[in-house]
């Protein structure tokens, strides 16, 4: 999950100075033979006009859309951050977001009007929970940038790698003392 977050945010940070993807979802994240994740399908991506999008028409898949895409002006790259949070939730739970809802308008009401978010499982690691919740902040200005997400997830991955290496060395050391 952290690799998806890291490589997805790295790709988005690369495009965000000029482009907003607007339809980030698992179907638009490809995996190559070496296990690297690539963001694809820029069919409804838009160039930014300064800080914000020049247009908001044709705005993506409702289950992954940021609340501001349901009708607000001044859409910025933080809509992709919100979507990445939904993708991470799906990776964590193995469930399709809002699948129990029958029509897309129900998602608009829950997310855009009532400010509800998907339930994060109780057994979710705290750092991942905080990361997803920050991606889903109601105020796009408080969501992290993709560059910040990339740094944070890279550090978490480095911590995990170090812990795994420490665990292997500890086990090897214990085995050699016997």
C-alpha atoms as a PDB file:
ATOM      1  CA  UNK A   1       0.000   0.000   0.000  1.00  0.00           C
ATOM      2  CA  UNK A   2       2.844   2.368   0.836  1.00  0.00           C
ATOM      3  CA  UNK A   3       4.494   1.612  -2.519  1.00  0.00           C
ATOM      4  CA  UNK A   4       1.283   2.547  -4.321  1.00  0.00           C
ATOM      5  CA  UNK A   5       1.121   5.737  -2.248  1.00  0.00           C
ATOM      6  CA  UNK A   6       4.792   6.524  -2.823  1.00  0.00           C
ATOM      7  CA  UNK A   7       4.988   5.876  -6.551  1.00  0.00           C
ATOM      8  CA  UNK A   8       1.520   7.278  -7.247  1.00  0.00           C
ATOM      9  CA  UNK A   9       2.289  10.491  -5.382  1.00  0.00           C
ATOM     10  CA  UNK A  10       5.683  10.754  -7.111  1.00  0.00           C
ATOM     11  CA  UNK A  11       4.004  10.544 -10.537  1.00  0.00           C
ATOM     12  CA  UNK A  12       1.329  13.049  -9.562  1.00  0.00           C
ATOM     13  CA  UNK A  13       3.894  15.452  -8.066  1.00  0.00           C
ATOM     14  CA  UNK A  14       5.652  15.369 -11.438  1.00  0.00           C
ATOM     15  CA  UNK A  15       2.529  16.402 -13.399  1.00  0.00           C
ATOM     16  CA  UNK A  16       0.892  18.722 -10.866  1.00  0.00           C
ATOM     17  CA  UNK A  17       2.743  21.906 -11.727  1.00  0.00           C
ATOM     18  CA  UNK A  18       0.788  21.962 -15.005  1.00  0.00           C
ATOM     19  CA  UNK A  19      -1.759  19.085 -15.109  1.00  0.00           C
ATOM     20  CA  UNK A  20      -4.512  17.659 -12.884  1.00  0.00           C
ATOM     21  CA  UNK A  21      -5.380  13.999 -13.607  1.00  0.00           C
ATOM     22  CA  UNK A  22      -8.980  14.117 -12.239  1.00  0.00           C
ATOM     23  CA  UNK A  23      -9.716  10.385 -12.597  1.00  0.00           C
ATOM     24  CA  UNK A  24      -7.236   8.582 -10.371  1.00  0.00           C
ATOM     25  CA  UNK A  25      -8.528   5.110  -9.490  1.00  0.00           C
ATOM     26  CA  UNK A  26      -7.037   1.586  -9.374  1.00  0.00           C
ATOM     27  CA  UNK A  27      -7.885   0.982 -13.041  1.00  0.00           C
ATOM     28  CA  UNK A  28      -5.644   3.933 -13.919  1.00  0.00           C
ATOM     29  CA  UNK A  29      -2.636   2.733 -11.950  1.00  0.00           C
ATOM     30  CA  UNK A  30      -0.639   0.144 -13.872  1.00  0.00           C
ATOM     31  CA  UNK A  31       2.076  -2.170 -12.546  1.00  0.00           C
ATOM     32  CA  UNK A  32       5.086  -3.062 -14.708  1.00  0.00           C
ATOM     33  CA  UNK A  33       7.052  -6.328 -14.656  1.00  0.00           C
ATOM     34  CA  UNK A  34       9.394  -4.970 -11.950  1.00  0.00           C
ATOM     35  CA  UNK A  35       6.540  -4.009  -9.621  1.00  0.00           C
ATOM     36  CA  UNK A  36       6.683  -0.278 -10.356  1.00  0.00           C
ATOM     37  CA  UNK A  37       3.402   1.620 -10.367  1.00  0.00           C
ATOM     38  CA  UNK A  38       2.556   3.987 -13.230  1.00  0.00           C
ATOM     39  CA  UNK A  39      -0.317   6.476 -13.475  1.00  0.00           C
ATOM     40  CA  UNK A  40      -2.198   6.102 -16.770  1.00  0.00           C
ATOM     41  CA  UNK A  41      -5.293   7.307 -18.659  1.00  0.00           C
ATOM     42  CA  UNK A  42      -5.055  11.051 -18.943  1.00  0.00           C
ATOM     43  CA  UNK A  43      -8.272  11.192 -20.996  1.00  0.00           C
ATOM     44  CA  UNK A  44     -10.005  13.781 -18.786  1.00  0.00           C
ATOM     45  CA  UNK A  45      -6.858  15.398 -17.373  1.00  0.00           C
ATOM     46  CA  UNK A  46      -6.759  19.170 -17.676  1.00  0.00           C
ATOM     47  CA  UNK A  47      -4.050  21.783 -17.883  1.00  0.00           C
ATOM     48  CA  UNK A  48      -4.002  24.254 -15.035  1.00  0.00           C
ATOM     49  CA  UNK A  49      -4.503  27.932 -15.648  1.00  0.00           C
ATOM     50  CA  UNK A  50      -2.271  29.383 -12.945  1.00  0.00           C
ATOM     51  CA  UNK A  51      -3.180  27.633  -9.702  1.00  0.00           C
ATOM     52  CA  UNK A  52      -6.604  26.318 -10.703  1.00  0.00           C
ATOM     53  CA  UNK A  53      -8.150  24.395 -13.576  1.00  0.00           C
ATOM     54  CA  UNK A  54      -9.448  26.329 -16.523  1.00  0.00           C
ATOM     55  CA  UNK A  55     -12.484  23.998 -16.733  1.00  0.00           C
ATOM     56  CA  UNK A  56     -14.152  21.378 -14.543  1.00  0.00           C
ATOM     57  CA  UNK A  57     -16.336  19.610 -17.115  1.00  0.00           C
ATOM     58  CA  UNK A  58     -16.037  15.808 -17.439  1.00  0.00           C
ATOM     59  CA  UNK A  59     -14.789  15.173 -13.945  1.00  0.00           C
ATOM     60  CA  UNK A  60     -14.158  11.476 -13.294  1.00  0.00           C
ATOM     61  CA  UNK A  61     -15.481   8.476 -11.374  1.00  0.00           C
ATOM     62  CA  UNK A  62     -17.793   9.535  -8.490  1.00  0.00           C
ATOM     63  CA  UNK A  63     -16.555   6.968  -5.929  1.00  0.00           C
ATOM     64  CA  UNK A  64     -13.012   8.412  -6.165  1.00  0.00           C
ATOM     65  CA  UNK A  65     -13.889  12.096  -6.663  1.00  0.00           C
ATOM     66  CA  UNK A  66     -13.042  14.859  -4.221  1.00  0.00           C
ATOM     67  CA  UNK A  67     -16.067  16.688  -2.814  1.00  0.00           C
ATOM     68  CA  UNK A  68     -15.160  19.948  -4.564  1.00  0.00           C
ATOM     69  CA  UNK A  69     -15.536  18.238  -7.949  1.00  0.00           C
ATOM     70  CA  UNK A  70     -19.264  17.897  -7.286  1.00  0.00           C
ATOM     71  CA  UNK A  71     -19.873  21.495  -8.224  1.00  0.00           C
ATOM     72  CA  UNK A  72     -17.320  23.965  -6.915  1.00  0.00           C
ATOM     73  CA  UNK A  73     -15.122  26.306  -8.873  1.00  0.00           C
ATOM     74  CA  UNK A  74     -11.383  26.727  -8.338  1.00  0.00           C
ATOM     75  CA  UNK A  75     -10.488  23.062  -8.631  1.00  0.00           C
ATOM     76  CA  UNK A  76      -6.790  22.359  -8.044  1.00  0.00           C
ATOM     77  CA  UNK A  77      -4.441  19.352  -7.995  1.00  0.00           C
ATOM     78  CA  UNK A  78      -5.602  18.427  -4.476  1.00  0.00           C
ATOM     79  CA  UNK A  79      -8.515  16.539  -6.103  1.00  0.00           C
ATOM     80  CA  UNK A  80      -5.917  13.926  -7.109  1.00  0.00           C
ATOM     81  CA  UNK A  81      -4.683  13.740  -3.493  1.00  0.00           C
ATOM     82  CA  UNK A  82      -8.222  12.964  -2.335  1.00  0.00           C
ATOM     83  CA  UNK A  83      -8.543  10.264  -5.008  1.00  0.00           C
ATOM     84  CA  UNK A  84      -5.208   8.735  -4.004  1.00  0.00           C
ATOM     85  CA  UNK A  85      -6.578   8.442  -0.461  1.00  0.00           C
ATOM     86  CA  UNK A  86      -9.575   6.495  -1.798  1.00  0.00           C
ATOM     87  CA  UNK A  87      -7.232   4.232  -3.796  1.00  0.00           C
ATOM     88  CA  UNK A  88      -5.218   3.546  -0.625  1.00  0.00           C
ATOM     89  CA  UNK A  89      -8.439   2.763   1.258  1.00  0.00           C
ATOM     90  CA  UNK A  90      -9.358   0.269  -1.466  1.00  0.00           C
ATOM     91  CA  UNK A  91      -5.896  -1.329  -1.279  1.00  0.00           C
ATOM     92  CA  UNK A  92      -6.261  -1.588   2.503  1.00  0.00           C
ATOM     93  CA  UNK A  93      -9.770  -3.029   2.582  1.00  0.00           C
ATOM     94  CA  UNK A  94      -9.960  -4.909  -0.720  1.00  0.00           C
ATOM     95  CA  UNK A  95     -13.420  -3.370  -1.186  1.00  0.00           C
ATOM     96  CA  UNK A  96     -14.814  -1.084  -3.886  1.00  0.00           C
ATOM     97  CA  UNK A  97     -15.615   2.333  -2.414  1.00  0.00           C
ATOM     98  CA  UNK A  98     -19.302   3.117  -1.919  1.00  0.00           C
ATOM     99  CA  UNK A  99     -20.293  -0.146  -3.663  1.00  0.00           C
ATOM    100  CA  UNK A 100     -23.410  -0.416  -1.479  1.00  0.00           C
ATOM    101  CA  UNK A 101     -24.855   2.752  -3.011  1.00  0.00           C
ATOM    102  CA  UNK A 102     -27.167   2.316  -5.967  1.00  0.00           C
ATOM    103  CA  UNK A 103     -26.719   5.602  -7.840  1.00  0.00           C
ATOM    104  CA  UNK A 104     -23.791   8.031  -8.157  1.00  0.00           C
ATOM    105  CA  UNK A 105     -25.889  10.906  -6.797  1.00  0.00           C
ATOM    106  CA  UNK A 106     -25.859   9.165  -3.389  1.00  0.00           C
ATOM    107  CA  UNK A 107     -22.077   9.550  -3.358  1.00  0.00           C
ATOM    108  CA  UNK A 108     -22.470  13.241  -4.186  1.00  0.00           C
ATOM    109  CA  UNK A 109     -24.790  13.670  -1.188  1.00  0.00           C
ATOM    110  CA  UNK A 110     -22.666  11.680   1.272  1.00  0.00           C
ATOM    111  CA  UNK A 111     -19.250  13.037   0.284  1.00  0.00           C
ATOM    112  CA  UNK A 112     -20.033  16.474  -1.086  1.00  0.00           C
ATOM    113  CA  UNK A 113     -22.924  17.592   1.114  1.00  0.00           C
ATOM    114  CA  UNK A 114     -22.732  15.532   4.330  1.00  0.00           C
ATOM    115  CA  UNK A 115     -18.890  15.376   4.289  1.00  0.00           C
ATOM    116  CA  UNK A 116     -18.891  11.651   5.079  1.00  0.00           C
ATOM    117  CA  UNK A 117     -15.887   9.481   4.320  1.00  0.00           C
ATOM    118  CA  UNK A 118     -15.352   5.759   3.945  1.00  0.00           C
ATOM    119  CA  UNK A 119     -14.860   3.855   7.208  1.00  0.00           C
ATOM    120  CA  UNK A 120     -11.212   3.023   7.855  1.00  0.00           C
ATOM    121  CA  UNK A 121     -10.848  -0.395   9.524  1.00  0.00           C
ATOM    122  CA  UNK A 122      -9.910  -0.385  13.208  1.00  0.00           C
ATOM    123  CA  UNK A 123      -6.844  -2.551  12.538  1.00  0.00           C
ATOM    124  CA  UNK A 124      -5.364  -0.049  10.062  1.00  0.00           C
ATOM    125  CA  UNK A 125      -1.848   1.046  11.134  1.00  0.00           C
ATOM    126  CA  UNK A 126      -2.070   4.507  12.704  1.00  0.00           C
ATOM    127  CA  UNK A 127       0.380   6.186  10.290  1.00  0.00           C
ATOM    128  CA  UNK A 128      -1.568   4.911   7.295  1.00  0.00           C
ATOM    129  CA  UNK A 129      -4.861   5.987   8.897  1.00  0.00           C
ATOM    130  CA  UNK A 130      -3.541   9.526   9.416  1.00  0.00           C
ATOM    131  CA  UNK A 131      -2.216   9.641   5.852  1.00  0.00           C
ATOM    132  CA  UNK A 132      -5.573   8.618   4.347  1.00  0.00           C
ATOM    133  CA  UNK A 133      -7.512  10.998   6.602  1.00  0.00           C
ATOM    134  CA  UNK A 134      -5.247  13.903   5.589  1.00  0.00           C
ATOM    135  CA  UNK A 135      -5.862  13.066   1.917  1.00  0.00           C
ATOM    136  CA  UNK A 136      -9.611  13.248   2.597  1.00  0.00           C
ATOM    137  CA  UNK A 137      -9.637  16.589   4.411  1.00  0.00           C
ATOM    138  CA  UNK A 138     -12.751  18.615   3.577  1.00  0.00           C
ATOM    139  CA  UNK A 139     -10.561  21.645   2.872  1.00  0.00           C
ATOM    140  CA  UNK A 140      -8.295  20.970  -0.125  1.00  0.00           C
ATOM    141  CA  UNK A 141      -5.750  23.474   1.222  1.00  0.00           C
ATOM    142  CA  UNK A 142      -5.178  21.233   4.253  1.00  0.00           C
ATOM    143  CA  UNK A 143      -4.587  18.120   2.147  1.00  0.00           C
ATOM    144  CA  UNK A 144      -0.903  17.323   1.669  1.00  0.00           C
ATOM    145  CA  UNK A 145       0.727  17.962  -1.677  1.00  0.00           C
ATOM    146  CA  UNK A 146       1.810  14.914  -3.655  1.00  0.00           C
ATOM    147  CA  UNK A 147       5.431  15.949  -3.095  1.00  0.00           C
ATOM    148  CA  UNK A 148       4.788  15.847   0.678  1.00  0.00           C
ATOM    149  CA  UNK A 149       3.050  12.457   0.364  1.00  0.00           C
ATOM    150  CA  UNK A 150       5.987  11.092  -1.631  1.00  0.00           C
ATOM    151  CA  UNK A 151       8.480  12.195   1.062  1.00  0.00           C
ATOM    152  CA  UNK A 152       6.349  10.863   3.903  1.00  0.00           C
ATOM    153  CA  UNK A 153       5.722   7.473   2.280  1.00  0.00           C
ATOM    154  CA  UNK A 154       9.390   7.153   1.276  1.00  0.00           C
ATOM    155  CA  UNK A 155      10.384   7.659   4.915  1.00  0.00           C
ATOM    156  CA  UNK A 156       7.813   5.096   6.070  1.00  0.00           C
ATOM    157  CA  UNK A 157       9.100   2.593   3.505  1.00  0.00           C
ATOM    158  CA  UNK A 158      12.680   3.196   4.678  1.00  0.00           C
ATOM    159  CA  UNK A 159      11.588   2.602   8.286  1.00  0.00           C
ATOM    160  CA  UNK A 160       9.885  -0.657   7.304  1.00  0.00           C
ATOM    161  CA  UNK A 161      12.939  -1.818   5.331  1.00  0.00           C
ATOM    162  CA  UNK A 162      15.222  -1.015   8.283  1.00  0.00           C
ATOM    163  CA  UNK A 163      12.911  -2.870  10.679  1.00  0.00           C
ATOM    164  CA  UNK A 164      12.854  -5.905   8.375  1.00  0.00           C
ATOM    165  CA  UNK A 165      16.643  -5.874   8.067  1.00  0.00           C
ATOM    166  CA  UNK A 166      16.997  -5.482  11.836  1.00  0.00           C
ATOM    167  CA  UNK A 167      14.607  -8.379  12.377  1.00  0.00           C
ATOM    168  CA  UNK A 168      16.543 -10.607   9.984  1.00  0.00           C
ATOM    169  CA  UNK A 169      19.877  -9.675  11.581  1.00  0.00           C
ATOM    170  CA  UNK A 170      18.439 -10.278  15.033  1.00  0.00           C
ATOM    171  CA  UNK A 171      17.203 -13.720  14.025  1.00  0.00           C
ATOM    172  CA  UNK A 172      20.519 -14.530  12.342  1.00  0.00           C
ATOM    173  CA  UNK A 173      22.391 -13.428  15.444  1.00  0.00           C
ATOM    174  CA  UNK A 174      20.150 -15.525  17.683  1.00  0.00           C
ATOM    175  CA  UNK A 175      20.655 -18.569  15.474  1.00  0.00           C
ATOM    176  CA  UNK A 176      24.427 -18.227  15.513  1.00  0.00           C
ATOM    177  CA  UNK A 177      24.592 -18.007  19.297  1.00  0.00           C
ATOM    178  CA  UNK A 178      22.942 -21.380  19.676  1.00  0.00           C
END
